[in-house]
Amino acid sequence: MQEEGQTQQMYNTAQMLVKCLEKEGVEYIFGIPGEENLELMEALSHSSIRFITTRHEQGAAFMADVYGRLTHKAGVCMSTLGPGATNLVTGVADAYSDGAPLVAITGQVGTERMHLTSHQFLDLCKMFEPITKRTKQIVLPDTVSEIVRIAFKYAESEKPGACHIDLPVNVAKMPVSPGEEPLEKQTIPIEIPDSQCVKDAVVRLMMAKNPVILAGSSAIRNHASKAMIEFVNKLHIPVIHTMMAKGIIPFDNPYCLWTIGIPQKDYANKVLENADLILSVGYDIVEYAPSKWNSDQHKNIIHIDARPAHINKLYQPAVEVVGDISVSLRSILSQMEHPFASAYAREIKEKMEKEYAAYEKDMSFPMRPQKILSDVRKVLAPDDILLSDVGAHKMWIARQYHCYQPNTCLISNGFASMGFAVPGAIAAKLIYPDKRVLAVTGDGGFLMNCQEMETAMRLGNPFVTLIFRDNSYGLIKWKQMDQYGKSCYVDFTNPDFVKFAESFGAKGYRIERAEDLIPTLEEAFAQKIPSIVDCAVDYGENVKLTKYLKELYSVL
């Protein structure tokens, strides 16, 4: 009870918003100050929350996106109104599509101007509505605690994604009623799968002769790696994972058949084609469309996830086991008696490993993408983090870069946005300062958010960027060559990336021989400042891969 004569501290809306963010455990906010969020910036200057000033709002959103992926807590990004808010859109949409918890906060004109055609005014709630789970404007000071709590609850609950809060400039200055406090964060109980659904799954699994697991990103978000390893080691069921589920089981596990998702049909596609039962574990149709592996609608599917199956005519599970994924896997495993024969899967794995090893001693230059990634794997420890931008190199990372642990290879795949890797690496290094963090990007994607190198330098954030340089939009060229036998409008020139790095005060390296990549990466990781490694890549391998896989698929 308040003592007589003691005055209760008064907060305005912006100050209460910051108190609510502190209550949610927010460590960082990524963004750019603006006129319409001055009150919020002033409140943050008195907060324990660290504001990371970025050089573009898109970079801020990608940083919040990766923070959410790695911590499973909502990353927060912030902008002013108008063009600041529109610059957030790509990163917010990426988090929404890829299941990364994120809360975006925007400044806004005063409520007295919203009925007019006004300078820099956009209806931001309408703009963010298609790319967020929930968007709300604060119009009454006393609603702040509820709006913030709702935003974080929606952002972090399965499937995670983006939420948006809009704060008009006049409302930010309004006083909050005495006694208003942030709401408490509730603990969400683990949902236990229905026992009858588990029994139905066991019956179907026992009837199968050639089951295959298709693992998706939800299995990683829900910390199901340990249970998955136990499951496959006992039952000898091969596992194929999406790009975003790399590391769900170690790539050298005998039952791990690596990644599916590149445009061409690969080894994994053949294994799925021959399966008589698909155990879909944490699979999201945005990662790899059912039309690419169940176009004839004949697959027998068991859906195992924290939420019910998507509605899709090509994804119609016979059984849905909904609840904590680890509990579901262990419940099914406890009722299984014998492992499956997996000779076919072992034969496929041996062929994949033989092909993978074939490039280890390739010293040609420009370097083949297979060799670059083989060298990268040797330099990075099992728990180090690689972030892949989007482009031709992403297809090679999906196919050739293998992981031992979850969340050690982050790929923008649902939304597939270029410009993701460099700002994402900044966030990853903030979270894990003792790990090696490598941003792998093409020369096209790098120049989309290269300005964040200044942010990295200012933070003293020593990650390494490896640029696959081919002077073109390589993925589009690959698709053009596949479809038309020629390319157009995809070539460009580049700056001197070594001088570019040095102009920021960073370290720059250029690879001139294949033998130099590993020692150069080692040297770059030893630096106390960010480094850029420019490596010419031979993307003649792209068309060769298309031809090779067509021939391979016909004989598997």
Protein backbone atom coordinates (compact mmCIF):
# COMPACT_ATOMS: atom_id res chain seq x y z
CA MET A 1 0.00 0.00 0.00
CA GLN A 2 1.29 3.46 -0.87
CA GLU A 3 2.33 5.47 2.21
CA GLU A 4 0.69 8.79 2.94
CA GLY A 5 2.42 11.68 1.22
CA GLN A 6 4.28 9.42 -1.22
CA THR A 7 3.68 10.42 -4.83
CA GLN A 8 3.25 7.75 -7.46
CA GLN A 9 5.56 8.07 -10.46
CA MET A 10 3.79 9.17 -13.61
CA TYR A 11 4.69 7.77 -17.03
CA ASN A 12 3.75 8.87 -20.49
CA THR A 13 2.79 6.32 -23.17
CA ALA A 14 6.30 6.03 -24.61
CA GLN A 15 7.81 5.45 -21.18
CA MET A 16 5.20 2.80 -20.37
CA LEU A 17 5.89 1.10 -23.70
CA VAL A 18 9.57 0.86 -22.78
CA LYS A 19 8.69 -0.51 -19.31
CA CYS A 20 6.59 -3.17 -21.03
CA LEU A 21 9.47 -4.08 -23.36
CA GLU A 22 11.76 -4.42 -20.36
CA LYS A 23 9.21 -6.71 -18.72
CA GLU A 24 9.25 -8.88 -21.85
CA GLY A 25 13.00 -9.31 -21.43
CA VAL A 26 13.97 -7.30 -24.52
CA GLU A 27 17.76 -6.94 -24.76
CA TYR A 28 18.13 -5.07 -28.05
CA ILE A 29 16.07 -2.87 -30.31
CA PHE A 30 17.35 -2.49 -33.87
CA GLY A 31 16.34 0.60 -35.79
CA ILE A 32 16.72 4.22 -36.81
CA PRO A 33 15.51 7.25 -34.83
CA GLY A 34 13.06 9.65 -36.44
CA GLU A 35 11.05 12.73 -35.62
CA GLU A 36 7.88 10.81 -34.81
CA ASN A 37 9.58 8.43 -32.36
CA LEU A 38 11.62 11.02 -30.45
CA GLU A 39 9.64 10.44 -27.25
CA LEU A 40 10.27 6.71 -27.49
CA MET A 41 13.98 7.25 -28.11
CA GLU A 42 14.18 9.51 -25.06
CA ALA A 43 12.52 6.83 -22.94
CA LEU A 44 14.95 4.21 -24.27
CA SER A 45 17.90 6.41 -23.32
CA HIS A 46 16.97 5.76 -19.66
CA SER A 47 16.39 2.02 -20.18
CA SER A 48 18.50 -1.12 -19.78
CA ILE A 49 17.55 -2.02 -23.37
CA ARG A 50 20.39 -1.45 -25.83
CA PHE A 51 19.35 0.43 -28.94
CA ILE A 52 21.34 -0.64 -32.03
CA THR A 53 21.34 2.17 -34.56
CA THR A 54 21.40 0.66 -38.05
CA ARG A 55 22.01 2.21 -41.46
CA HIS A 56 18.75 1.01 -43.04
CA GLU A 57 15.48 -0.16 -41.54
CA GLN A 58 15.55 -3.34 -43.64
CA GLY A 59 18.82 -4.24 -41.94
CA ALA A 60 17.19 -3.59 -38.57
CA ALA A 61 14.32 -5.93 -39.38
CA PHE A 62 16.67 -8.71 -40.51
CA MET A 63 18.66 -8.32 -37.28
CA ALA A 64 15.47 -8.70 -35.25
CA ASP A 65 14.47 -11.65 -37.45
CA VAL A 66 17.72 -13.55 -36.75
CA TYR A 67 17.62 -12.63 -33.05
CA GLY A 68 14.19 -14.29 -32.94
CA ARG A 69 15.37 -17.41 -34.80
CA LEU A 70 18.33 -17.96 -32.49
CA THR A 71 16.77 -17.09 -29.11
CA HIS A 72 13.11 -18.06 -29.71
CA LYS A 73 12.25 -14.71 -28.12
CA ALA A 74 10.80 -11.89 -30.19
CA GLY A 75 13.42 -9.65 -31.75
CA VAL A 76 12.40 -5.99 -31.82
CA CYS A 77 12.93 -3.50 -34.63
CA MET A 78 11.81 0.11 -34.80
CA SER A 79 11.35 2.85 -37.35
CA THR A 80 9.74 6.20 -37.76
CA LEU A 81 6.63 6.69 -39.90
CA GLY A 82 6.28 6.70 -43.70
CA PRO A 83 9.45 5.67 -45.57
CA GLY A 84 11.05 4.36 -42.37
CA ALA A 85 8.14 2.00 -41.87
CA THR A 86 8.01 0.89 -45.51
CA ASN A 87 11.72 0.05 -45.30
CA LEU A 88 10.93 -2.45 -42.52
CA VAL A 89 8.50 -4.41 -44.67
CA THR A 90 10.84 -6.94 -46.33
CA GLY A 91 12.46 -8.04 -43.08
CA VAL A 92 9.12 -8.18 -41.26
CA ALA A 93 7.63 -10.27 -44.07
CA ASP A 94 10.64 -12.58 -43.91
CA ALA A 95 10.10 -13.19 -40.19
CA TYR A 96 6.38 -13.76 -40.75
CA SER A 97 6.93 -16.30 -43.52
CA ASP A 98 9.89 -18.10 -41.93
CA GLY A 99 8.44 -18.39 -38.43
CA ALA A 100 10.80 -16.01 -36.60
CA PRO A 101 9.28 -14.15 -33.62
CA LEU A 102 9.55 -10.40 -34.20
CA VAL A 103 7.83 -7.23 -32.98
CA ALA A 104 8.05 -4.13 -35.18
CA ILE A 105 7.33 -0.71 -33.65
CA THR A 106 6.64 2.29 -35.87
CA GLY A 107 6.18 5.98 -35.27
CA GLN A 108 3.10 7.65 -36.70
CA VAL A 109 1.53 11.06 -37.29
CA GLY A 110 -0.69 12.43 -34.55
CA THR A 111 -4.26 11.17 -34.40
CA GLU A 112 -5.49 14.69 -35.25
CA ARG A 113 -3.96 14.35 -38.75
CA MET A 114 -5.08 10.86 -39.70
CA HIS A 115 -8.32 11.93 -41.35
CA LEU A 116 -6.37 14.13 -43.78
CA THR A 117 -4.03 13.56 -46.68
CA SER A 118 -0.99 14.27 -44.57
CA HIS A 119 2.78 14.51 -44.95
CA GLN A 120 4.37 11.01 -44.67
CA PHE A 121 1.11 9.46 -43.46
CA LEU A 122 0.29 5.88 -44.36
CA ASP A 123 -2.20 3.59 -42.68
CA LEU A 124 0.56 1.38 -41.30
CA CYS A 125 -1.76 -1.10 -39.63
CA LYS A 126 -3.32 -1.87 -43.00
CA MET A 127 0.12 -2.05 -44.59
CA PHE A 128 1.48 -4.50 -42.02
CA GLU A 129 -1.71 -6.56 -41.74
CA PRO A 130 -0.86 -9.09 -44.53
CA ILE A 131 2.66 -9.71 -43.18
CA THR A 132 2.03 -9.94 -39.42
CA LYS A 133 0.07 -12.13 -37.05
CA ARG A 134 -1.37 -9.04 -35.37
CA THR A 135 -1.09 -5.28 -35.85
CA LYS A 136 -2.43 -2.64 -33.44
CA GLN A 137 -2.23 1.11 -33.10
CA ILE A 138 -1.99 2.61 -29.61
CA VAL A 139 -4.69 5.27 -29.38
CA LEU A 140 -5.30 5.22 -25.61
CA PRO A 141 -2.36 5.39 -23.18
CA ASP A 142 -3.85 2.87 -20.78
CA THR A 143 -3.95 0.14 -23.45
CA VAL A 144 -0.16 -0.04 -23.85
CA SER A 145 0.43 -2.94 -21.48
CA GLU A 146 -2.25 -5.05 -23.16
CA ILE A 147 -1.13 -4.26 -26.71
CA VAL A 148 2.51 -5.06 -25.97
CA ARG A 149 1.71 -8.30 -24.13
CA ILE A 150 -0.59 -9.42 -26.97
CA ALA A 151 2.08 -8.61 -29.58
CA PHE A 152 4.74 -10.69 -27.84
CA LYS A 153 2.35 -13.54 -27.09
CA TYR A 154 1.28 -13.78 -30.72
CA ALA A 155 4.82 -13.33 -32.05
CA GLU A 156 6.28 -16.10 -29.88
CA SER A 157 3.45 -18.66 -29.99
CA GLU A 158 3.50 -21.45 -32.58
CA LYS A 159 3.85 -20.74 -35.48
CA PRO A 160 5.98 -17.75 -34.46
CA GLY A 161 6.04 -14.69 -36.66
CA ALA A 162 5.88 -10.93 -36.80
CA CYS A 163 3.60 -8.52 -34.95
CA HIS A 164 3.35 -4.74 -35.29
CA ILE A 165 2.70 -1.85 -32.90
CA ASP A 166 2.01 1.67 -34.23
CA LEU A 167 2.50 4.65 -31.90
CA PRO A 168 1.16 8.09 -32.96
CA VAL A 169 3.41 10.97 -31.97
CA ASN A 170 0.81 12.76 -29.84
CA VAL A 171 -0.26 9.60 -28.01
CA ALA A 172 3.39 8.90 -27.13
CA LYS A 173 3.40 12.05 -24.96
CA MET A 174 0.07 11.43 -23.21
CA PRO A 175 0.13 10.44 -19.52
CA VAL A 176 -0.72 6.92 -18.43
CA SER A 177 -3.09 6.57 -15.49
CA PRO A 178 -1.42 6.16 -12.09
CA GLY A 179 -1.07 2.51 -11.10
CA GLU A 180 -0.79 1.14 -14.66
CA GLU A 181 1.93 -1.51 -14.89
CA PRO A 182 3.22 -3.95 -17.54
CA LEU A 183 1.38 -7.27 -17.66
CA GLU A 184 3.07 -10.45 -16.49
CA LYS A 185 4.31 -12.90 -19.11
CA GLN A 186 2.51 -16.23 -18.80
CA THR A 187 4.16 -19.62 -19.21
CA ILE A 188 2.44 -21.67 -21.90
CA PRO A 189 2.03 -25.32 -20.80
CA ILE A 190 3.29 -28.15 -22.99
CA GLU A 191 0.49 -29.72 -25.01
CA ILE A 192 0.47 -33.51 -24.73
CA PRO A 193 -0.55 -35.43 -27.88
CA ASP A 194 -3.79 -37.39 -27.87
CA SER A 195 -3.12 -41.04 -26.96
CA GLN A 196 -5.46 -42.40 -29.62
CA CYS A 197 -3.71 -40.38 -32.32
CA VAL A 198 -0.39 -41.79 -31.11
CA LYS A 199 -1.80 -45.34 -31.33
CA ASP A 200 -3.13 -44.68 -34.84
CA ALA A 201 0.29 -43.41 -35.89
CA VAL A 202 1.97 -46.50 -34.42
CA VAL A 203 -0.39 -48.83 -36.31
CA ARG A 204 0.31 -47.12 -39.64
CA LEU A 205 4.03 -47.04 -38.96
CA MET A 206 4.06 -50.76 -38.14
CA MET A 207 2.34 -51.48 -41.44
CA ALA A 208 4.91 -49.53 -43.45
CA LYS A 209 7.84 -51.16 -45.21
CA ASN A 210 9.75 -48.08 -46.31
CA PRO A 211 8.96 -45.07 -44.09
CA VAL A 212 10.83 -41.77 -44.41
CA ILE A 213 10.88 -38.74 -42.11
CA LEU A 214 10.48 -35.29 -43.67
CA ALA A 215 11.67 -32.85 -40.98
CA GLY A 216 10.91 -29.14 -41.05
CA SER A 217 11.75 -25.96 -39.18
CA SER A 218 9.13 -26.43 -36.45
CA ALA A 219 11.10 -29.44 -35.20
CA ILE A 220 14.05 -27.11 -34.56
CA ARG A 221 11.92 -24.32 -33.06
CA ASN A 222 10.39 -26.85 -30.67
CA HIS A 223 13.76 -28.31 -29.60
CA ALA A 224 13.01 -31.80 -30.94
CA SER A 225 16.54 -32.65 -32.10
CA LYS A 226 17.42 -34.97 -29.20
CA ALA A 227 14.14 -36.87 -29.48
CA MET A 228 14.54 -37.13 -33.26
CA ILE A 229 18.02 -38.64 -32.90
CA GLU A 230 16.71 -41.21 -30.41
CA PHE A 231 13.82 -42.02 -32.74
CA VAL A 232 15.89 -42.61 -35.89
CA ASN A 233 18.73 -44.42 -34.15
CA LYS A 234 16.34 -46.99 -32.72
CA LEU A 235 14.00 -47.36 -35.70
CA HIS A 236 16.55 -46.84 -38.52
CA ILE A 237 14.19 -44.56 -40.42
CA PRO A 238 15.95 -42.23 -42.90
CA VAL A 239 15.53 -38.50 -42.37
CA ILE A 240 15.31 -35.83 -45.04
CA HIS A 241 15.14 -32.24 -43.85
CA THR A 242 14.19 -28.90 -45.35
CA MET A 243 16.72 -26.10 -45.72
CA MET A 244 15.55 -24.51 -42.48
CA ALA A 245 15.83 -27.79 -40.55
CA LYS A 246 19.52 -28.39 -41.20
CA GLY A 247 21.15 -29.97 -38.17
CA ILE A 248 17.97 -31.52 -36.78
CA ILE A 249 20.14 -34.65 -36.67
CA PRO A 250 23.88 -34.60 -37.41
CA PHE A 251 24.64 -34.88 -41.12
CA ASP A 252 27.01 -37.79 -40.46
CA ASN A 253 24.31 -39.83 -38.74
CA PRO A 254 23.86 -42.91 -40.99
CA TYR A 255 20.13 -42.19 -41.33
CA CYS A 256 20.48 -38.52 -42.29
CA LEU A 257 19.92 -38.12 -46.04
CA TRP A 258 20.52 -34.37 -45.98
CA THR A 259 18.52 -31.55 -47.53
CA ILE A 260 15.62 -31.34 -49.91
CA GLY A 261 14.46 -28.15 -51.59
CA ILE A 262 16.63 -27.17 -54.55
CA PRO A 263 14.66 -26.77 -57.81
CA GLN A 264 16.16 -29.91 -59.37
CA LYS A 265 15.20 -33.44 -58.32
CA ASP A 266 18.00 -34.84 -56.21
CA TYR A 267 18.79 -37.95 -54.14
CA ALA A 268 16.31 -36.93 -51.44
CA ASN A 269 13.48 -36.64 -53.96
CA LYS A 270 14.05 -40.22 -55.06
CA VAL A 271 13.97 -41.46 -51.48
CA LEU A 272 10.65 -39.68 -50.88
CA GLU A 273 9.30 -41.03 -54.14
CA ASN A 274 10.01 -44.60 -53.05
CA ALA A 275 8.62 -44.19 -49.52
CA ASP A 276 5.30 -45.83 -48.63
CA LEU A 277 4.86 -43.63 -45.53
CA ILE A 278 5.99 -40.07 -44.82
CA LEU A 279 6.38 -39.02 -41.20
CA SER A 280 6.10 -35.27 -41.52
CA VAL A 281 7.79 -33.87 -38.39
CA GLY A 282 7.59 -30.12 -37.89
CA TYR A 283 7.14 -29.66 -41.63
CA ASP A 284 5.79 -26.36 -42.97
CA ILE A 285 4.44 -26.27 -46.52
CA VAL A 286 6.04 -22.83 -47.05
CA GLU A 287 9.46 -24.50 -46.85
CA TYR A 288 8.95 -27.07 -49.59
CA ALA A 289 5.57 -27.26 -51.31
CA PRO A 290 3.68 -30.60 -51.23
CA SER A 291 3.25 -30.31 -55.00
CA LYS A 292 6.97 -31.07 -55.31
CA TRP A 293 6.82 -34.38 -53.43
CA ASN A 294 3.17 -35.49 -53.46
CA SER A 295 1.80 -34.30 -56.78
CA ASP A 296 -0.16 -37.54 -57.33
CA GLN A 297 -1.78 -37.24 -53.86
CA HIS A 298 -0.95 -40.88 -53.12
CA LYS A 299 1.42 -40.42 -50.19
CA ASN A 300 0.43 -41.90 -46.84
CA ILE A 301 1.28 -39.13 -44.34
CA ILE A 302 1.55 -38.95 -40.55
CA HIS A 303 1.66 -35.33 -39.40
CA ILE A 304 3.65 -34.73 -36.19
CA ASP A 305 3.82 -31.12 -35.07
CA ALA A 306 2.96 -28.63 -32.36
CA ARG A 307 -0.03 -27.48 -34.39
CA PRO A 308 -2.55 -29.10 -36.77
CA ALA A 309 -1.72 -29.71 -40.43
CA HIS A 310 -1.97 -27.03 -43.07
CA ILE A 311 -4.96 -27.08 -45.39
CA ASN A 312 -3.66 -28.19 -48.76
CA LYS A 313 -5.21 -30.72 -51.13
CA LEU A 314 -1.78 -32.27 -51.66
CA TYR A 315 -1.10 -32.51 -47.95
CA GLN A 316 -3.82 -34.64 -46.40
CA PRO A 317 -2.42 -36.62 -43.43
CA ALA A 318 -4.01 -39.92 -42.49
CA VAL A 319 -3.13 -39.21 -38.85
CA GLU A 320 -2.30 -35.98 -37.03
CA VAL A 321 -0.31 -36.21 -33.80
CA VAL A 322 -0.53 -32.68 -32.41
CA GLY A 323 1.40 -31.59 -29.34
CA ASP A 324 4.95 -31.28 -28.09
CA ILE A 325 7.02 -32.87 -30.86
CA SER A 326 9.53 -34.54 -28.54
CA VAL A 327 6.74 -36.06 -26.45
CA SER A 328 5.00 -37.28 -29.63
CA LEU A 329 8.15 -38.93 -31.01
CA ARG A 330 8.97 -40.62 -27.72
CA SER A 331 5.36 -41.78 -27.28
CA ILE A 332 5.40 -43.42 -30.71
CA LEU A 333 8.88 -44.85 -30.12
CA SER A 334 7.84 -46.47 -26.83
CA GLN A 335 5.30 -48.60 -28.70
CA MET A 336 7.59 -49.71 -31.53
CA GLU A 337 9.42 -53.02 -31.17
CA HIS A 338 11.64 -53.50 -34.19
CA PRO A 339 13.75 -51.26 -36.45
CA PHE A 340 13.15 -51.02 -40.17
CA ALA A 341 15.44 -52.41 -42.84
CA SER A 342 17.01 -49.40 -44.57
CA ALA A 343 19.39 -50.92 -47.13
CA TYR A 344 18.16 -48.61 -49.91
CA ALA A 345 18.72 -45.53 -47.76
CA ARG A 346 22.23 -46.71 -46.86
CA GLU A 347 23.08 -47.20 -50.53
CA ILE A 348 21.84 -43.69 -51.34
CA LYS A 349 23.84 -42.23 -48.43
CA GLU A 350 27.03 -43.91 -49.65
CA LYS A 351 26.57 -42.42 -53.12
CA MET A 352 25.92 -38.96 -51.66
CA GLU A 353 29.02 -39.13 -49.47
CA LYS A 354 31.18 -40.29 -52.37
CA GLU A 355 30.01 -37.38 -54.52
CA TYR A 356 30.52 -34.91 -51.65
CA ALA A 357 34.09 -36.08 -51.05
CA ALA A 358 35.01 -35.83 -54.74
CA TYR A 359 35.64 -32.07 -54.53
CA GLU A 360 37.88 -31.98 -51.46
CA LYS A 361 41.10 -31.90 -53.51
CA ASP A 362 39.77 -29.77 -56.38
CA MET A 363 42.17 -26.83 -56.74
CA SER A 364 40.69 -25.25 -59.86
CA PHE A 365 40.15 -21.49 -59.90
CA PRO A 366 37.73 -19.72 -59.98
CA MET A 367 36.62 -22.10 -57.26
CA ARG A 368 33.74 -24.49 -57.70
CA PRO A 369 30.97 -23.88 -55.14
CA GLN A 370 31.29 -27.47 -53.90
CA LYS A 371 34.94 -26.90 -52.99
CA ILE A 372 34.28 -23.54 -51.34
CA LEU A 373 31.68 -25.07 -49.04
CA SER A 374 33.84 -28.10 -48.32
CA ASP A 375 36.55 -25.73 -47.12
CA VAL A 376 34.06 -23.65 -45.12
CA ARG A 377 32.88 -26.77 -43.30
CA LYS A 378 36.49 -27.49 -42.30
CA VAL A 379 36.95 -23.99 -40.89
CA LEU A 380 33.70 -23.78 -38.89
CA ALA A 381 33.23 -25.78 -35.68
CA PRO A 382 30.04 -27.85 -35.21
CA ASP A 383 28.39 -25.09 -33.17
CA ASP A 384 29.54 -22.13 -35.28
CA ILE A 385 26.92 -20.28 -37.33
CA LEU A 386 26.63 -19.79 -41.09
CA LEU A 387 24.01 -17.42 -42.48
CA SER A 388 23.10 -17.87 -46.12
CA ASP A 389 21.86 -15.02 -48.23
CA VAL A 390 19.64 -15.78 -51.23
CA GLY A 391 21.03 -16.55 -54.67
CA ALA A 392 22.77 -19.38 -56.51
CA HIS A 393 25.06 -19.95 -53.53
CA LYS A 394 21.99 -20.72 -51.39
CA MET A 395 21.19 -23.72 -53.59
CA TRP A 396 24.73 -24.98 -53.12
CA ILE A 397 24.63 -24.37 -49.37
CA ALA A 398 21.38 -26.33 -49.21
CA ARG A 399 22.97 -29.23 -51.05
CA GLN A 400 26.63 -29.13 -49.98
CA TYR A 401 26.91 -27.49 -46.54
CA HIS A 402 26.08 -29.93 -43.79
CA CYS A 403 25.34 -29.35 -40.11
CA TYR A 404 25.89 -31.16 -36.85
CA GLN A 405 23.51 -29.09 -34.73
CA PRO A 406 20.26 -27.12 -35.13
CA ASN A 407 20.38 -23.37 -35.79
CA THR A 408 23.93 -23.48 -37.14
CA CYS A 409 22.84 -22.71 -40.71
CA LEU A 410 20.24 -19.96 -41.05
CA ILE A 411 18.57 -19.58 -44.44
CA SER A 412 15.80 -17.25 -45.55
CA ASN A 413 13.66 -19.85 -47.30
CA GLY A 414 9.96 -19.21 -46.80
CA PHE A 415 10.23 -15.62 -48.03
CA ALA A 416 13.70 -16.07 -49.59
CA SER A 417 14.89 -12.48 -49.36
CA MET A 418 18.20 -11.20 -50.63
CA GLY A 419 20.10 -8.97 -48.21
CA PHE A 420 19.43 -11.23 -45.21
CA ALA A 421 22.92 -12.52 -44.35
CA VAL A 422 25.02 -9.48 -43.40
CA PRO A 423 22.56 -7.84 -40.96
CA GLY A 424 21.61 -11.29 -39.69
CA ALA A 425 25.26 -12.01 -38.92
CA ILE A 426 25.44 -8.84 -36.80
CA ALA A 427 22.60 -10.13 -34.62
CA ALA A 428 24.07 -13.63 -34.45
CA LYS A 429 27.42 -12.27 -33.25
CA LEU A 430 25.70 -10.14 -30.60
CA ILE A 431 24.00 -13.25 -29.23
CA TYR A 432 27.00 -15.56 -29.56
CA PRO A 433 30.14 -13.42 -29.32
CA ASP A 434 32.37 -16.48 -28.77
CA LYS A 435 31.23 -18.38 -31.87
CA ARG A 436 32.50 -17.94 -35.38
CA VAL A 437 29.78 -16.34 -37.48
CA LEU A 438 30.03 -16.46 -41.28
CA ALA A 439 27.72 -14.56 -43.65
CA VAL A 440 27.79 -16.23 -47.07
CA THR A 441 26.38 -14.05 -49.82
CA GLY A 442 26.50 -13.44 -53.52
CA ASP A 443 27.79 -10.16 -54.92
CA GLY A 444 24.20 -9.22 -55.74
CA GLY A 445 22.81 -9.83 -52.25
CA PHE A 446 25.82 -8.28 -50.51
CA LEU A 447 25.27 -4.86 -52.10
CA MET A 448 21.65 -4.83 -50.93
CA ASN A 449 22.59 -4.34 -47.28
CA CYS A 450 26.35 -3.75 -47.37
CA GLN A 451 25.87 -0.43 -45.54
CA GLU A 452 25.46 -2.43 -42.33
CA MET A 453 29.22 -3.03 -42.37
CA GLU A 454 29.43 0.38 -40.70
CA THR A 455 27.05 -0.87 -38.00
CA ALA A 456 29.25 -3.91 -37.48
CA MET A 457 32.37 -1.76 -37.21
CA ARG A 458 30.73 0.60 -34.74
CA LEU A 459 29.66 -2.35 -32.59
CA GLY A 460 33.05 -4.01 -32.81
CA ASN A 461 31.28 -7.04 -34.22
CA PRO A 462 33.95 -9.36 -35.75
CA PHE A 463 32.09 -11.70 -38.08
CA VAL A 464 33.28 -12.71 -41.55
CA THR A 465 31.47 -12.18 -44.85
CA LEU A 466 32.33 -14.55 -47.70
CA ILE A 467 31.25 -13.22 -51.10
CA PHE A 468 30.67 -15.66 -53.96
CA ARG A 469 31.59 -13.27 -56.79
CA ASP A 470 30.36 -14.01 -60.33
CA ASN A 471 29.36 -10.46 -61.44
CA SER A 472 25.75 -11.45 -62.04
CA TYR A 473 22.49 -12.45 -60.45
CA GLY A 474 23.65 -16.06 -60.63
CA LEU A 475 20.46 -17.85 -59.61
CA ILE A 476 18.38 -16.07 -62.24
CA LYS A 477 21.08 -16.71 -64.84
CA TRP A 478 20.94 -20.41 -63.87
CA LYS A 479 17.18 -20.51 -64.37
CA GLN A 480 17.45 -18.64 -67.68
CA MET A 481 20.08 -21.08 -68.93
CA ASP A 482 17.93 -24.05 -67.88
CA GLN A 483 14.82 -22.71 -69.63
CA TYR A 484 16.17 -20.80 -72.64
CA GLY A 485 19.79 -21.83 -73.08
CA LYS A 486 20.89 -18.21 -72.72
CA SER A 487 20.80 -15.36 -70.21
CA CYS A 488 19.95 -11.67 -70.34
CA TYR A 489 19.87 -8.59 -68.07
CA VAL A 490 21.59 -10.32 -65.15
CA ASP A 491 25.22 -9.18 -65.44
CA PHE A 492 26.79 -6.24 -63.61
CA THR A 493 30.09 -4.88 -62.33
CA ASN A 494 31.30 -4.77 -58.74
CA PRO A 495 33.40 -2.47 -56.58
CA ASP A 496 36.77 -3.65 -55.32
CA PHE A 497 35.51 -5.52 -52.26
CA VAL A 498 38.90 -5.36 -50.53
CA LYS A 499 38.99 -1.57 -50.81
CA PHE A 500 35.31 -1.48 -49.87
CA ALA A 501 36.07 -3.29 -46.61
CA GLU A 502 39.09 -1.10 -45.90
CA SER A 503 37.06 2.07 -46.47
CA PHE A 504 34.95 1.08 -43.44
CA GLY A 505 38.03 0.21 -41.41
CA ALA A 506 37.33 -3.51 -41.81
CA LYS A 507 39.69 -6.16 -43.17
CA GLY A 508 39.47 -7.14 -46.83
CA TYR A 509 40.82 -10.26 -48.54
CA ARG A 510 40.76 -11.52 -52.10
CA ILE A 511 41.17 -15.20 -52.93
CA GLU A 512 43.54 -15.73 -55.88
CA ARG A 513 44.09 -19.49 -55.53
CA ALA A 514 41.95 -22.31 -54.15
CA GLU A 515 44.74 -23.20 -51.74
CA ASP A 516 44.36 -19.82 -50.04
CA LEU A 517 40.71 -20.04 -48.93
CA ILE A 518 41.13 -22.02 -45.70
CA PRO A 519 44.13 -20.02 -44.36
CA THR A 520 42.44 -16.75 -45.38
CA LEU A 521 39.24 -17.65 -43.54
CA GLU A 522 41.27 -18.65 -40.48
CA GLU A 523 43.08 -15.31 -40.56
CA ALA A 524 39.82 -13.42 -41.04
CA PHE A 525 38.24 -15.12 -38.03
CA ALA A 526 41.27 -14.19 -35.94
CA GLN A 527 40.58 -10.47 -36.47
CA LYS A 528 38.96 -8.25 -33.84
CA ILE A 529 37.02 -6.39 -36.55
CA PRO A 530 34.67 -7.49 -39.36
CA SER A 531 36.26 -9.02 -42.46
CA ILE A 532 35.18 -9.46 -46.07
CA VAL A 533 36.55 -12.31 -48.19
CA ASP A 534 36.05 -11.91 -51.94
CA CYS A 535 36.11 -15.27 -53.75
CA ALA A 536 35.52 -15.74 -57.47
CA VAL A 537 33.18 -18.68 -58.06
CA ASP A 538 32.77 -20.91 -61.11
CA TYR A 539 29.02 -20.99 -61.64
CA GLY A 540 29.46 -23.06 -64.77
CA GLU A 541 28.75 -25.78 -62.20
CA ASN A 542 25.12 -24.67 -62.05
CA VAL A 543 24.11 -25.91 -65.49
CA LYS A 544 26.34 -28.96 -65.03
CA LEU A 545 24.42 -29.83 -61.85
CA THR A 546 21.10 -29.59 -63.67
CA LYS A 547 22.32 -31.99 -66.35
CA TYR A 548 23.96 -34.34 -63.85
CA LEU A 549 20.85 -34.61 -61.66
CA LYS A 550 18.61 -35.37 -64.65
CA GLU A 551 20.89 -38.27 -65.57
CA LEU A 552 21.28 -39.38 -61.96
CA TYR A 553 17.56 -39.42 -61.23
CA SER A 554 16.85 -41.74 -64.13
CA VAL A 555 19.22 -44.41 -62.81
CA LEU A 556 18.65 -44.22 -59.04
